[in-house]
């Protein structure tokens, strides 16, 4: 799944090991945003991570280059409802 396929009414959680990204679409609901935050924390807590690991919140149209590069090689998604 490429970065260009992200839909503005959804929120995506992406585990890049030292970073767990929460990508927030501009048209996503508050309820979905809250649920994605919980899912991101659960994913983060399931693995042994380095001390520098963190959860990073990204809003649509403010994506850093490193996120786009990492997301370009992603294979699969988990639906959050």
Protein backbone atom coordinates (compact mmCIF):
# COMPACT_ATOMS: atom_id res chain seq x y z
CA UNK A 1 0.00 0.00 0.00
CA UNK A 2 1.52 3.29 -1.03
CA UNK A 3 1.27 6.60 0.79
CA UNK A 4 -0.89 8.02 -2.01
CA UNK A 5 -3.63 5.49 -1.22
CA UNK A 6 -4.30 6.85 2.29
CA UNK A 7 -7.92 7.97 2.54
CA UNK A 8 -8.75 11.28 4.27
CA UNK A 9 -11.71 9.88 6.23
CA UNK A 10 -9.59 7.15 7.83
CA UNK A 11 -6.83 6.84 10.41
CA UNK A 12 -3.93 4.43 9.95
CA UNK A 13 -1.53 2.94 12.48
CA UNK A 14 1.85 1.87 11.12
CA UNK A 15 4.45 0.01 13.19
CA UNK A 16 7.98 0.87 12.04
CA UNK A 17 9.51 -0.70 15.18
CA UNK A 18 11.20 2.36 16.76
CA UNK A 19 8.25 4.46 15.69
CA UNK A 20 4.56 3.65 15.69
CA UNK A 21 2.91 6.19 13.42
CA UNK A 22 -0.70 7.29 13.73
CA UNK A 23 -1.67 8.93 10.43
CA UNK A 24 -4.84 11.01 10.78
CA UNK A 25 -6.91 11.84 7.74
CA UNK A 26 -8.31 15.35 7.61
CA UNK A 27 -11.91 14.10 7.39
CA UNK A 28 -11.65 11.32 10.00
CA UNK A 29 -14.07 11.31 12.91
CA UNK A 30 -13.08 11.99 16.50
CA UNK A 31 -14.22 8.49 17.48
CA UNK A 32 -11.92 6.82 14.95
CA UNK A 33 -9.03 9.04 16.05
CA UNK A 34 -9.50 8.01 19.69
CA UNK A 35 -9.72 4.32 18.79
CA UNK A 36 -6.57 4.53 16.66
CA UNK A 37 -4.69 6.13 19.56
CA UNK A 38 -5.64 3.16 21.76
CA UNK A 39 -4.65 0.67 19.05
CA UNK A 40 -1.31 2.41 18.56
CA UNK A 41 -0.56 2.19 22.28
CA UNK A 42 -1.50 -1.51 22.34
CA UNK A 43 0.76 -2.22 19.35
CA UNK A 44 3.57 -0.21 20.93
CA UNK A 45 3.28 -2.07 24.24
CA UNK A 46 3.26 -5.57 22.67
CA UNK A 47 6.92 -5.46 21.61
CA UNK A 48 10.20 -4.94 23.40
CA UNK A 49 11.39 -1.61 21.96
CA UNK A 50 14.46 0.55 22.34
CA UNK A 51 14.49 3.48 24.75
CA UNK A 52 14.16 5.91 21.85
CA UNK A 53 10.98 4.28 20.50
CA UNK A 54 7.87 6.47 20.40
CA UNK A 55 4.39 6.93 19.01
CA UNK A 56 4.25 9.67 16.40
CA UNK A 57 1.01 11.40 15.41
CA UNK A 58 0.90 12.69 11.83
CA UNK A 59 -1.92 14.66 10.28
CA UNK A 60 -2.72 14.54 6.59
CA UNK A 61 -0.58 16.87 4.44
CA UNK A 62 2.11 17.20 7.15
CA UNK A 63 3.85 13.87 6.57
CA UNK A 64 7.63 13.92 7.01
CA UNK A 65 9.76 12.39 4.27
CA UNK A 66 10.88 9.52 6.52
CA UNK A 67 7.24 8.47 7.01
CA UNK A 68 6.60 8.48 3.27
CA UNK A 69 9.72 6.41 2.66
CA UNK A 70 8.88 3.85 5.34
CA UNK A 71 5.23 3.67 4.35
CA UNK A 72 6.14 3.03 0.70
CA UNK A 73 7.43 -0.44 1.60
CA UNK A 74 4.45 -1.43 3.79
CA UNK A 75 2.67 -4.67 2.99
CA UNK A 76 -0.79 -4.76 4.51
CA UNK A 77 -3.06 -2.93 6.88
CA UNK A 78 -5.20 -3.58 9.94
CA UNK A 79 -8.67 -2.09 9.91
CA UNK A 80 -9.66 -0.11 13.01
CA UNK A 81 -13.38 0.38 13.65
